[in-house]
Protein backbone atom coordinates (compact mmCIF):
# COMPACT_ATOMS: atom_id res chain seq x y z
CA MET A 1 -8.91 -21.73 -9.04
CA LYS A 2 -10.37 -22.16 -5.52
CA ASP A 3 -9.25 -23.79 -2.29
CA ALA A 4 -11.25 -25.90 0.16
CA HIS A 5 -12.89 -22.76 1.63
CA GLN A 6 -13.94 -21.57 -1.84
CA ASN A 7 -11.41 -18.73 -1.67
CA ILE A 8 -10.12 -17.71 -5.11
CA ILE A 9 -6.38 -18.36 -5.01
CA TYR A 10 -5.43 -17.94 -8.68
CA VAL A 11 -6.80 -16.26 -11.80
CA GLY A 12 -5.35 -17.12 -15.21
CA LYS A 13 -6.24 -17.29 -18.88
CA ALA A 14 -5.62 -19.80 -21.66
CA LYS A 15 -6.33 -20.27 -25.35
CA LYS A 16 -6.96 -24.01 -24.75
CA LEU A 17 -8.39 -24.42 -21.27
CA LYS A 18 -8.22 -28.23 -21.18
CA ASN A 19 -4.50 -28.30 -22.01
CA ARG A 20 -3.71 -25.54 -19.54
CA VAL A 21 -5.57 -27.05 -16.57
CA SER A 22 -4.36 -30.58 -17.33
CA SER A 23 -0.76 -29.40 -17.29
CA TYR A 24 -1.04 -28.58 -13.59
CA PHE A 25 -1.95 -32.16 -12.66
CA ASN A 26 0.38 -34.14 -14.92
CA GLY A 27 4.13 -34.64 -14.62
CA ALA A 28 6.66 -33.06 -12.28
CA HIS A 29 6.37 -29.40 -11.23
CA ASP A 30 8.48 -26.78 -9.55
CA TYR A 31 7.96 -25.87 -5.89
CA LYS A 32 5.52 -23.01 -6.55
CA THR A 33 3.20 -24.92 -8.87
CA THR A 34 3.22 -27.91 -6.50
CA LYS A 35 1.97 -25.65 -3.67
CA LEU A 36 -0.79 -24.27 -5.87
CA VAL A 37 -1.95 -27.74 -6.98
CA GLN A 38 -2.06 -28.94 -3.35
CA GLU A 39 -4.61 -26.25 -2.50
CA VAL A 40 -6.84 -26.34 -5.60
CA VAL A 41 -10.14 -28.19 -5.16
CA ASP A 42 -12.37 -26.43 -7.69
CA PHE A 43 -12.34 -23.87 -10.49
CA ASP A 44 -14.69 -21.72 -12.59
CA TYR A 45 -14.14 -20.31 -16.05
CA ILE A 46 -15.47 -17.52 -18.27
CA VAL A 47 -15.34 -17.62 -22.08
CA THR A 48 -14.34 -14.44 -23.94
CA LYS A 49 -14.38 -13.53 -27.64
CA SER A 50 -10.69 -12.66 -27.94
CA GLU A 51 -7.36 -12.85 -26.15
CA LYS A 52 -7.43 -9.10 -25.61
CA GLU A 53 -10.80 -9.40 -23.82
CA ALA A 54 -9.34 -12.19 -21.70
CA LEU A 55 -6.42 -9.96 -20.70
CA LEU A 56 -8.75 -7.14 -19.61
CA LEU A 57 -10.98 -9.55 -17.70
CA GLU A 58 -7.96 -11.06 -15.96
CA ILE A 59 -6.85 -7.59 -14.79
CA ASN A 60 -10.30 -6.86 -13.32
CA LEU A 61 -10.66 -10.22 -11.57
CA ILE A 62 -7.22 -9.98 -9.98
CA LYS A 63 -8.09 -6.48 -8.71
CA ASP A 64 -11.40 -7.72 -7.27
CA TYR A 65 -10.26 -10.95 -5.62
CA ASP A 66 -6.55 -10.31 -4.87
CA PRO A 67 -5.65 -14.05 -5.26
CA LYS A 68 -2.53 -15.00 -3.32
CA TYR A 69 -0.91 -16.96 -6.16
CA ASN A 70 -1.28 -14.00 -8.52
CA ILE A 71 0.46 -11.54 -6.22
CA MET A 72 2.99 -13.86 -4.57
CA PHE A 73 6.58 -12.79 -5.09
CA THR A 74 5.67 -9.59 -6.88
CA ASP A 75 7.88 -6.60 -6.19
CA ASN A 76 6.98 -3.98 -8.77
CA SER A 77 6.84 -0.32 -7.80
CA TYR A 78 5.37 2.64 -9.61
CA TYR A 79 7.72 5.54 -10.14
CA PRO A 80 6.44 9.10 -9.83
CA TYR A 81 5.46 11.26 -12.77
CA LEU A 82 4.94 15.00 -13.01
CA MET A 83 1.49 15.64 -14.46
CA LEU A 84 0.55 18.91 -16.17
CA THR A 85 -3.24 18.96 -16.24
CA LYS A 86 -5.15 19.63 -19.44
CA GLU A 87 -7.35 22.36 -17.93
CA LYS A 88 -8.14 25.94 -18.89
CA TYR A 89 -5.77 27.02 -16.11
CA PRO A 90 -3.37 24.06 -15.76
CA ARG A 91 -1.79 22.75 -12.55
CA LEU A 92 1.29 20.64 -11.89
CA GLU A 93 0.94 17.49 -9.72
CA ILE A 94 3.04 14.49 -8.64
CA VAL A 95 1.25 11.22 -9.45
CA ARG A 96 2.12 7.51 -9.29
CA GLU A 97 -0.24 6.24 -11.96
CA VAL A 98 -1.14 7.44 -15.43
CA LYS A 99 -4.94 7.50 -15.25
CA ASP A 100 -6.14 10.22 -17.63
CA LYS A 101 -3.94 10.25 -20.73
CA LYS A 102 -5.41 13.60 -21.80
CA ASN A 103 -3.03 15.22 -19.31
CA HIS A 104 0.67 15.67 -20.08
CA TYR A 105 2.98 13.33 -18.10
CA PHE A 106 6.72 13.73 -17.56
CA GLY A 107 8.82 10.87 -16.23
CA PRO A 108 9.12 8.38 -14.74
CA PHE A 109 11.61 9.82 -12.24
CA PRO A 110 14.21 7.65 -10.51
CA ASP A 111 12.99 8.55 -7.03
CA ALA A 112 10.29 10.58 -5.34
CA THR A 113 12.81 13.12 -3.99
CA ALA A 114 13.90 14.09 -7.52
CA ALA A 115 10.26 14.46 -8.58
CA ARG A 116 9.44 16.64 -5.54
CA ASP A 117 12.52 18.84 -6.10
CA ILE A 118 11.56 19.48 -9.72
CA TYR A 119 7.92 20.04 -8.75
CA LYS A 120 8.88 22.72 -6.19
CA LEU A 121 11.34 24.34 -8.58
CA LEU A 122 8.88 24.52 -11.49
CA ASN A 123 6.22 26.06 -9.26
CA ARG A 124 8.73 28.77 -8.30
CA LEU A 125 9.83 29.40 -11.87
CA TYR A 126 6.45 29.37 -13.61
CA PRO A 127 3.22 31.00 -12.30
CA LEU A 128 0.94 28.00 -12.63
CA ARG A 129 -2.33 27.67 -10.74
CA LYS A 130 -1.78 26.02 -7.33
CA CYS A 131 -5.39 25.65 -6.11
CA ARG A 132 -7.33 22.49 -6.92
CA HIS A 133 -10.56 24.55 -7.02
CA LEU A 134 -10.58 28.22 -7.97
CA PRO A 135 -11.31 30.43 -4.90
CA ASN A 136 -13.15 33.77 -4.94
CA LYS A 137 -10.05 35.78 -4.08
CA THR A 138 -6.29 35.72 -4.60
CA CYS A 139 -3.95 33.82 -2.29
CA LEU A 140 -0.36 34.18 -1.10
CA TYR A 141 1.05 32.65 -4.32
CA TYR A 142 -0.40 35.57 -6.29
CA SER A 143 1.32 38.04 -3.95
CA LEU A 144 4.62 36.14 -4.45
CA ASN A 145 4.22 36.30 -8.25
CA GLN A 146 4.00 32.48 -8.37
CA CYS A 147 0.43 32.48 -9.74
CA LEU A 148 -1.23 34.64 -12.42
CA GLY A 149 -4.46 34.86 -10.40
CA PRO A 150 -6.98 33.22 -12.78
CA CYS A 151 -9.46 33.30 -9.88
CA ILE A 152 -9.95 37.08 -10.43
CA LEU A 153 -8.17 37.87 -13.73
CA PRO A 154 -8.95 36.75 -17.31
CA ILE A 155 -5.81 34.95 -18.55
CA GLU A 156 -5.38 34.32 -22.27
CA ALA A 157 -4.94 30.67 -23.32
CA HIS A 158 -1.65 31.35 -25.14
CA VAL A 159 -0.03 32.45 -21.85
CA TYR A 160 -0.46 29.00 -20.31
CA GLU A 161 0.50 27.35 -23.61
CA LYS A 162 3.83 29.17 -23.46
CA ILE A 163 4.33 28.08 -19.81
CA ALA A 164 3.55 24.45 -20.73
CA ALA A 165 6.09 24.58 -23.59
CA ASP A 166 8.75 26.04 -21.27
CA ILE A 167 8.09 23.34 -18.64
CA THR A 168 8.41 20.63 -21.31
CA LYS A 169 11.77 22.07 -22.44
CA PHE A 170 12.97 22.28 -18.83
CA ILE A 171 12.13 18.66 -18.00
CA LYS A 172 13.76 17.45 -21.22
CA GLY A 173 16.95 19.11 -20.01
CA ASP A 174 16.86 22.18 -22.27
CA THR A 175 17.65 24.83 -19.61
CA LYS A 176 20.21 26.94 -21.48
CA GLU A 177 17.84 29.83 -22.23
CA LEU A 178 16.39 29.80 -18.74
CA LEU A 179 19.82 29.81 -17.06
CA LYS A 180 21.02 32.58 -19.36
CA GLU A 181 17.97 34.68 -18.48
CA LEU A 182 18.45 34.13 -14.72
CA GLN A 183 22.16 34.96 -14.94
CA GLU A 184 21.34 38.24 -16.71
CA LYS A 185 18.82 39.10 -13.99
CA MET A 186 21.36 38.23 -11.28
CA GLN A 187 23.96 40.46 -12.93
CA LEU A 188 21.48 43.34 -13.25
CA GLU A 189 20.40 43.13 -9.60
CA SER A 190 24.04 42.98 -8.52
CA GLU A 191 24.91 46.11 -10.55
CA GLN A 192 22.00 47.94 -8.91
CA LEU A 193 23.36 46.85 -5.49
CA HIS A 194 20.29 44.67 -4.82
CA PHE A 195 22.49 41.93 -3.39
CA GLU A 196 19.74 39.95 -1.63
CA LYS A 197 17.77 39.67 -4.85
CA ALA A 198 20.95 38.73 -6.74
CA MET A 199 21.63 35.97 -4.19
CA GLU A 200 18.13 34.59 -4.76
CA TYR A 201 18.84 34.31 -8.50
CA ARG A 202 22.24 32.75 -7.79
CA ASP A 203 20.69 30.12 -5.50
CA LEU A 204 17.98 29.43 -8.06
CA ILE A 205 20.58 28.85 -10.78
CA LYS A 206 22.50 26.43 -8.54
CA HIS A 207 19.30 24.58 -7.69
CA ILE A 208 18.38 24.17 -11.38
CA GLN A 209 21.84 22.83 -12.18
CA HIS A 210 21.68 20.42 -9.23
CA VAL A 211 18.20 19.11 -10.00
CA THR A 212 18.72 18.62 -13.73
CA ALA A 213 22.02 16.81 -13.10
CA LYS A 214 20.45 14.66 -10.37
CA GLN A 215 17.69 13.19 -12.53
CA ASN A 216 19.75 12.13 -15.55
CA VAL A 217 22.46 9.60 -16.37
CA GLN A 218 24.02 10.51 -19.71
CA PHE A 219 23.50 8.13 -22.66
CA ASN A 220 24.32 8.78 -26.31
CA ASP A 221 20.79 8.97 -27.69
CA ALA A 222 17.91 11.44 -27.84
CA THR A 223 14.86 9.15 -27.89
CA ASP A 224 12.30 8.12 -25.27
CA ARG A 225 12.37 4.34 -25.02
CA ASP A 226 11.72 1.49 -22.59
CA ILE A 227 13.91 -1.62 -22.60
CA ILE A 228 12.59 -5.00 -21.44
CA GLY A 229 14.63 -8.04 -20.43
CA TYR A 230 13.56 -11.22 -18.63
CA TYR A 231 14.81 -14.41 -16.99
CA VAL A 232 12.91 -17.55 -15.91
CA ASP A 233 13.81 -20.01 -13.14
CA LYS A 234 11.96 -22.30 -10.68
CA GLY A 235 8.54 -21.23 -11.90
CA TYR A 236 9.10 -17.48 -11.54
CA LEU A 237 9.51 -14.84 -14.19
CA SER A 238 11.79 -11.86 -13.53
CA ILE A 239 11.15 -8.86 -15.80
CA GLN A 240 13.50 -5.88 -15.84
CA LEU A 241 12.49 -2.53 -17.35
CA PHE A 242 14.91 0.30 -18.13
CA PHE A 243 13.50 3.78 -18.77
CA MET A 244 15.29 6.11 -21.18
CA ARG A 245 14.05 9.64 -21.69
CA GLN A 246 15.75 11.99 -24.14
CA GLY A 247 18.53 9.42 -24.50
CA LYS A 248 19.22 9.39 -20.77
CA LEU A 249 18.84 6.33 -18.59
CA LEU A 250 16.60 7.49 -15.75
CA ALA A 251 15.47 4.48 -13.73
CA ARG A 252 14.57 0.83 -13.70
CA ASP A 253 11.61 -1.21 -12.53
CA ILE A 254 11.90 -4.77 -11.17
CA ASN A 255 8.95 -7.14 -11.54
CA LEU A 256 8.82 -10.71 -10.25
CA VAL A 257 5.71 -12.71 -11.11
CA PRO A 258 4.64 -16.36 -11.07
CA ALA A 259 5.08 -18.08 -14.45
CA TYR A 260 2.06 -20.35 -14.94
CA GLY A 261 1.57 -20.63 -18.69
CA GLU A 262 3.75 -20.20 -21.72
CA ILE A 263 6.59 -17.83 -20.81
CA GLU A 264 6.09 -15.71 -23.91
CA GLU A 265 2.40 -15.38 -23.11
CA ASP A 266 3.16 -14.34 -19.51
CA ILE A 267 5.59 -11.65 -20.70
CA ILE A 268 3.05 -10.25 -23.17
CA ASP A 269 0.43 -10.26 -20.38
CA PHE A 270 2.76 -8.32 -18.13
CA ILE A 271 3.65 -5.73 -20.79
CA PHE A 272 -0.01 -5.19 -21.59
CA HIS A 273 -0.90 -4.80 -17.88
CA TYR A 274 1.99 -2.41 -17.33
CA TYR A 275 1.06 0.00 -20.11
CA GLN A 276 -2.54 0.08 -18.94
CA LYS A 277 -1.22 2.26 -16.09
CA ASN A 278 1.86 3.94 -17.59
CA THR A 279 2.70 6.18 -20.54
CA TYR A 280 4.00 4.78 -23.81
CA PRO A 281 7.57 5.58 -24.89
CA LYS A 282 8.45 6.27 -28.51
CA GLU A 283 10.21 2.88 -28.76
CA LEU A 284 9.96 -0.38 -26.83
CA LEU A 285 12.99 -2.67 -27.09
CA VAL A 286 12.30 -6.37 -26.44
CA PRO A 287 14.35 -9.60 -26.72
CA GLU A 288 14.61 -11.00 -30.26
CA ASN A 289 12.90 -14.32 -29.43
CA LEU A 290 9.65 -12.62 -28.35
CA ASP A 291 6.67 -12.76 -30.74
CA THR A 292 5.49 -9.16 -30.89
CA SER A 293 2.53 -9.50 -33.26
CA MET A 294 -0.05 -9.19 -30.47
CA LEU A 295 1.85 -6.35 -28.77
CA GLU A 296 1.97 -4.40 -32.03
CA GLU A 297 -1.79 -4.69 -32.21
CA MET A 298 -2.40 -3.51 -28.64
CA LEU A 299 0.37 -0.97 -27.83
CA GLU A 300 0.63 2.58 -29.13
CA CYS A 301 4.39 2.63 -29.68
CA LYS A 302 7.05 1.24 -32.01
CA ILE A 303 8.31 -2.22 -30.95
CA ILE A 304 11.88 -3.16 -31.88
CA LYS A 305 13.73 -6.49 -31.52
CA PRO A 306 17.38 -5.39 -31.87
CA MET A 307 19.78 -8.05 -33.17
CA LYS A 308 23.08 -6.19 -32.72
CA GLY A 309 24.62 -2.89 -31.73
CA ASN A 310 23.95 -0.63 -28.70
CA LYS A 311 20.24 -1.40 -28.54
CA ALA A 312 20.89 -5.16 -28.41
CA GLN A 313 23.42 -4.56 -25.63
CA LEU A 314 20.77 -2.67 -23.66
CA VAL A 315 18.36 -5.61 -23.95
CA ARG A 316 21.10 -8.06 -22.85
CA MET A 317 21.91 -5.80 -19.89
CA ALA A 318 18.23 -5.84 -18.89
CA CYS A 319 18.18 -9.66 -19.11
CA ASP A 320 21.36 -9.94 -17.00
CA ASN A 321 19.83 -7.67 -14.35
CA ALA A 322 16.64 -9.75 -14.37
CA ARG A 323 18.66 -12.91 -13.65
CA GLU A 324 20.61 -11.24 -10.83
CA VAL A 325 17.48 -9.89 -9.13
CA LEU A 326 15.70 -13.25 -9.35
CA GLN A 327 18.59 -15.02 -7.61
CA GLN A 328 18.57 -12.41 -4.84
CA LYS A 329 14.83 -12.87 -4.38
CA PHE A 330 15.17 -16.65 -4.15
CA ASP A 331 17.70 -16.22 -1.35
CA LEU A 332 15.37 -13.82 0.45
CA MET A 333 12.34 -16.05 -0.11
CA GLU A 334 14.10 -19.01 1.48
CA LYS A 335 14.76 -16.94 4.61
CA ASN A 336 11.19 -15.62 4.72
CA GLU A 337 9.79 -19.11 4.14
CA ALA A 338 11.77 -20.44 7.10
CA ALA A 339 10.62 -17.53 9.31
CA THR A 340 6.90 -17.81 8.44
CA VAL A 341 5.53 -20.96 6.76
CA GLY A 342 8.37 -23.10 8.16
CA VAL A 343 7.62 -21.84 11.65
CA MET A 344 3.91 -22.61 11.22
CA LYS A 345 4.81 -26.18 10.22
CA GLN A 346 6.89 -26.49 13.37
CA LEU A 347 4.01 -25.19 15.49
CA GLY A 348 1.64 -27.75 13.97
CA GLN A 349 4.10 -30.57 14.65
CA LEU A 350 4.51 -29.54 18.29
CA LEU A 351 0.72 -29.54 18.80
CA GLY A 352 0.16 -32.71 16.75
CA ILE A 353 -2.06 -31.02 14.15
CA GLU A 354 -1.84 -30.08 10.48
CA THR A 355 0.03 -26.87 9.67
CA PRO A 356 -2.13 -23.95 10.89
CA HIS A 357 -2.27 -21.44 8.03
CA THR A 358 -4.74 -19.03 9.68
CA ILE A 359 -4.41 -18.15 13.38
CA GLU A 360 -6.65 -15.73 15.31
CA LEU A 361 -5.48 -14.34 18.66
CA PHE A 362 -7.66 -12.73 21.37
CA ASP A 363 -6.92 -10.43 24.32
CA ASN A 364 -9.21 -8.61 26.77
CA SER A 365 -8.65 -5.15 28.22
CA ASN A 366 -10.47 -3.28 31.03
CA ILE A 367 -9.96 -1.32 34.24
CA GLN A 368 -11.64 -3.21 37.08
CA GLY A 369 -14.32 -4.24 34.64
CA ALA A 370 -14.92 -0.71 33.32
CA TYR A 371 -14.67 0.08 29.60
CA ALA A 372 -14.28 -3.66 28.90
CA VAL A 373 -13.24 -4.51 25.36
CA ALA A 374 -11.41 -7.24 23.45
CA GLY A 375 -9.21 -7.28 20.39
CA MET A 376 -8.63 -9.98 17.79
CA VAL A 377 -5.72 -10.08 15.37
CA CYS A 378 -5.26 -12.51 12.50
CA TYR A 379 -2.08 -14.08 11.13
CA LYS A 380 -1.94 -15.94 7.82
CA ASP A 381 1.11 -18.12 7.20
CA GLY A 382 2.96 -16.27 9.95
CA LYS A 383 2.18 -12.76 8.66
CA PRO A 384 -0.35 -10.28 10.08
CA SER A 385 -3.52 -9.83 7.99
CA LYS A 386 -4.71 -6.43 9.24
CA LYS A 387 -7.85 -6.39 7.12
CA ASP A 388 -9.07 -9.31 9.27
CA TYR A 389 -8.46 -7.60 12.65
CA ARG A 390 -11.62 -7.15 14.76
CA LYS A 391 -12.67 -5.11 17.85
CA PHE A 392 -15.30 -6.12 20.41
CA LYS A 393 -17.08 -4.18 23.17
CA ILE A 394 -18.03 -6.51 26.03
CA LYS A 395 -21.83 -6.40 26.34
CA THR A 396 -22.98 -9.17 28.72
CA VAL A 397 -20.36 -9.19 31.50
CA ASP A 398 -20.46 -7.03 34.64
CA GLY A 399 -17.27 -6.47 36.57
CA PRO A 400 -13.73 -7.75 35.94
CA ASP A 401 -14.51 -11.30 34.75
CA ASP A 402 -11.84 -12.17 32.17
CA TYR A 403 -13.13 -15.71 31.61
CA ALA A 404 -16.73 -14.63 30.93
CA SER A 405 -15.48 -11.87 28.63
CA MET A 406 -13.44 -14.41 26.67
CA LYS A 407 -16.50 -16.67 26.33
CA GLU A 408 -18.63 -13.81 25.02
CA VAL A 409 -16.10 -12.70 22.41
CA ILE A 410 -15.30 -16.22 21.17
CA TYR A 411 -19.02 -17.02 20.86
CA ARG A 412 -19.84 -13.80 19.01
CA ARG A 413 -16.93 -14.21 16.61
CA TYR A 414 -17.48 -17.83 15.56
CA TYR A 415 -21.27 -17.94 15.76
CA ARG A 416 -21.27 -15.09 13.24
CA LEU A 417 -18.78 -16.88 10.95
CA MET A 418 -21.00 -19.97 11.07
CA MET A 419 -24.17 -18.00 10.28
CA GLU A 420 -22.46 -16.21 7.36
CA ASN A 421 -20.83 -19.46 6.14
CA ARG A 422 -17.40 -17.82 6.13
CA PRO A 423 -14.01 -19.59 6.46
CA LEU A 424 -12.87 -20.57 9.96
CA PRO A 425 -9.31 -20.25 11.27
CA ASP A 426 -7.14 -23.31 11.83
CA MET A 427 -6.14 -22.19 15.33
CA ILE A 428 -7.20 -19.84 18.13
CA ILE A 429 -4.62 -18.46 20.57
CA VAL A 430 -5.91 -16.73 23.71
CA ASP A 431 -3.79 -14.37 25.79
CA GLY A 432 -3.72 -16.12 29.14
CA GLY A 433 -3.44 -19.45 30.91
CA LYS A 434 -5.63 -22.45 31.67
CA GLY A 435 -8.72 -20.43 32.63
CA GLN A 436 -8.87 -18.53 29.34
CA ILE A 437 -8.15 -21.71 27.35
CA LYS A 438 -10.94 -23.56 29.16
CA SER A 439 -13.41 -20.72 28.54
CA ALA A 440 -12.63 -20.63 24.83
CA LYS A 441 -12.71 -24.44 24.53
CA GLU A 442 -16.17 -24.66 26.12
CA VAL A 443 -17.59 -22.31 23.49
CA ILE A 444 -15.84 -23.95 20.53
CA ASP A 445 -16.94 -27.43 21.68
CA ALA A 446 -20.51 -26.22 22.16
CA LEU A 447 -20.53 -24.85 18.61
CA GLY A 448 -18.99 -28.09 17.33
CA LEU A 449 -16.15 -26.40 15.46
CA PRO A 450 -12.91 -28.20 14.48
CA ILE A 451 -10.56 -25.43 15.65
CA CYS A 452 -7.40 -26.03 17.66
CA ILE A 453 -7.11 -23.88 20.82
CA CYS A 454 -4.02 -22.93 22.78
CA GLY A 455 -2.84 -20.10 25.03
CA LEU A 456 0.16 -17.85 25.55
CA ALA A 457 0.98 -17.21 29.19
CA LYS A 458 3.22 -14.39 30.46
CA ASP A 459 5.72 -14.30 33.29
CA ASP A 460 6.00 -11.82 36.19
CA LYS A 461 7.69 -9.32 33.87
CA HIS A 462 4.73 -9.47 31.46
CA ALA A 463 6.82 -11.18 28.78
CA THR A 464 5.82 -14.23 26.72
CA ALA A 465 6.78 -17.32 28.74
CA LEU A 466 4.74 -20.43 27.83
CA LEU A 467 2.72 -21.97 25.03
CA LEU A 468 -0.13 -24.10 26.43
CA ASN A 469 -2.18 -26.67 24.51
CA ASP A 470 -5.95 -27.09 24.81
CA GLN A 471 -5.47 -29.15 28.01
CA GLY A 472 -3.42 -26.39 29.63
CA GLU A 473 -0.19 -28.41 29.30
CA SER A 474 3.07 -26.57 28.61
CA ILE A 475 4.70 -27.04 25.19
CA ILE A 476 8.49 -26.77 25.36
CA ILE A 477 9.89 -24.27 22.84
CA ASP A 478 13.46 -23.08 22.50
CA ARG A 479 13.42 -19.43 23.59
CA GLN A 480 15.99 -18.58 20.91
CA SER A 481 14.01 -20.21 18.08
CA PRO A 482 12.18 -18.35 15.28
CA LEU A 483 8.91 -19.93 16.52
CA PHE A 484 9.26 -18.40 19.99
CA PHE A 485 10.10 -14.99 18.52
CA LEU A 486 7.07 -15.16 16.21
CA LEU A 487 4.71 -16.14 19.05
CA THR A 488 6.09 -13.25 21.11
CA ARG A 489 5.43 -10.80 18.27
CA MET A 490 1.91 -12.18 17.85
CA GLN A 491 1.14 -11.82 21.57
CA ASP A 492 2.55 -8.29 21.65
CA GLU A 493 0.47 -7.36 18.60
CA VAL A 494 -2.87 -8.57 20.02
CA HIS A 495 -2.08 -6.88 23.35
CA ARG A 496 -1.26 -3.60 21.58
CA TYR A 497 -4.44 -3.80 19.52
CA ALA A 498 -6.69 -4.48 22.52
CA ILE A 499 -5.07 -1.77 24.65
CA SER A 500 -5.36 0.87 21.91
CA PHE A 501 -9.06 0.08 21.49
CA HIS A 502 -9.56 0.22 25.26
CA LYS A 503 -7.94 3.69 25.42
CA GLN A 504 -10.13 4.87 22.57
CA VAL A 505 -13.33 3.67 24.26
CA ARG A 506 -12.24 5.02 27.65
CA GLY A 507 -11.40 8.44 26.18
CA LYS A 508 -14.80 8.73 24.50
CA SER A 509 -16.58 7.62 27.68
CA LEU A 510 -14.73 10.17 29.82
CA PHE A 511 -15.57 12.84 27.30
CA ALA A 512 -19.24 11.86 27.39
CA SER A 513 -19.33 11.73 31.21
CA ILE A 514 -17.92 15.27 31.52
CA LEU A 515 -20.47 16.65 29.07
CA ASP A 516 -23.29 14.87 30.93
CA GLU A 517 -22.73 17.33 33.80
CA VAL A 518 -23.57 20.30 31.56
CA GLU A 519 -27.20 21.25 31.20
CA GLY A 520 -28.20 21.94 27.62
CA ILE A 521 -25.81 19.49 25.95
CA GLY A 522 -27.40 16.44 24.36
CA PRO A 523 -26.15 13.90 21.80
CA LYS A 524 -26.37 16.33 18.88
CA ARG A 525 -24.37 19.12 20.56
CA ARG A 526 -21.91 16.58 22.00
CA LYS A 527 -21.21 15.33 18.49
CA ALA A 528 -20.78 18.88 17.19
CA LEU A 529 -18.30 19.68 19.99
CA LEU A 530 -16.24 16.59 19.30
CA LYS A 531 -16.17 17.35 15.58
CA HIS A 532 -15.11 20.96 16.19
CA PHE A 533 -12.52 20.50 18.97
CA ASP A 534 -11.38 16.85 18.46
CA SER A 535 -10.57 16.31 22.18
CA VAL A 536 -11.41 17.38 25.75
CA LYS A 537 -7.92 18.89 26.03
CA LYS A 538 -8.50 21.29 23.14
CA MET A 539 -11.98 22.06 24.46
CA LYS A 540 -10.54 22.87 27.90
CA GLU A 541 -8.04 25.29 26.31
CA ALA A 542 -10.84 27.10 24.47
CA SER A 543 -12.33 30.39 25.66
CA ILE A 544 -16.04 31.00 26.23
CA GLU A 545 -16.13 32.88 22.90
CA GLU A 546 -14.62 29.91 21.06
CA LEU A 547 -17.10 27.51 22.72
CA SER A 548 -19.89 29.87 21.68
CA GLU A 549 -19.08 29.14 18.04
CA VAL A 550 -20.70 25.73 18.60
CA LEU A 551 -23.05 26.33 21.57
CA PRO A 552 -25.43 29.03 22.77
CA LYS A 553 -23.65 31.61 24.95
CA GLU A 554 -25.16 30.46 28.27
CA VAL A 555 -24.47 26.75 27.59
CA ALA A 556 -20.93 27.63 26.52
CA LYS A 557 -20.38 29.47 29.81
CA ASN A 558 -21.64 26.44 31.82
CA LEU A 559 -19.40 24.09 29.85
CA TYR A 560 -16.38 26.36 30.39
CA GLU A 561 -16.92 26.26 34.19
CA VAL A 562 -17.28 22.45 34.21
CA LEU A 563 -14.14 21.98 32.12
CA GLN A 564 -12.11 24.23 34.40
CA ARG A 565 -13.24 22.19 37.45
CA HIS A 566 -12.04 18.99 35.74
């Protein structure tokens, strides 16, 4: 589905397209669907051979186009896994996504800290390879007996197979043998009066006990399973996942997604999407009213719909949590709506225009006309859209002429959007007063664009003071209102962005001007120096010998003398 600017705002699938699309435009709808329908002006469709193909295509299209009504109100996070690579000499890594299922994955873990603690501990206990690429010589880990040194030594495959089996036992909570072995070593070192070594073993034992206790919540079962519960209200679907590993409840994952089609179909879509990126458990528990025939065809695990007993209680608990989280999100959404979209509506009413959904703000920065630049930031529905930020170097203006600089930047920005037939903003806000507004308005009028223009003026203390319309007239705004606070944040953001770009350009120019004084340094050597030393400060701290690593000896000596003078 597309809006008036031909932006894709929603991607969905349906068995019967006519029924699905018609349902959006007939009868009463909840708040979310009403907003979607108000923006839709066109749609395209693609026919697939099966529902499974449609699911895969939907995943790819959402990734490519990032439609706002597909991602709105989504709050799912990916928990960390420990990955033991399936290589000749395996490594242990912390990952967030299950990409290559040939590797062995452990988890998910309840938080990143627990995963990192176990990762560090396992690398101390077992001499796995640490290097991503095998070097030509041994490293410090080999000297510390934390690596077997496969870079220089032939290691038999069964050695790493034994390590992998021990790691699997450890993560599953079977640490009795390991702890017994460490306690015997601690006792032996203590009897031989090697107290420092004995203390190391003691601390290691305590750390193992702490880490294994930290990652598990006891539950009377010994099976890996995921539990799914859901709740629907006001057009949103809340899905709650519980993760059980070795009968222990490890973590949960909250997912809030728009519910556009049949609820059962949306849940199946979500489950399928989720296990595209995550490992399968041995069992998947789902509510009894869910049709699992399609899931059984697509998923590589046993699907159970418990009717009674402990498993049914787990599913009910997941559903109860889903309801609770959805209510909390509604409360939060109402506050966010008031602080963003509600504020934009208020701004439009004050200026006598339709609600401005996209606003672009401009600010100039220079020192007496030198190193003149401008920055543009973009806000969509009251939130910064950093991918749309832009930087400009002033090209046609000599000296400190803020009005001419504003004209140049506004012209370059919107002439290019016109030539590329790209969407225009609803409003432009310039940092400044009547002069800057007039300069911007002259360009926009000359281009014949229907864009509202206003300005934000500052007081003597350089704080946001006034909102001015396109005629330079002051718009009265309560200084304690959310609108005033948002405008202040927007003005501060564009000022910060322009200033940071100005400093960057000025720093590079100063660097170039210093090197221009040195005979024998051209663009190629200048680039090599910057790549090697990063900054003039580091270059100034370098000796002639260090400069000679990049430059000929005589040129390095000349550069050293120039840098010391500066």
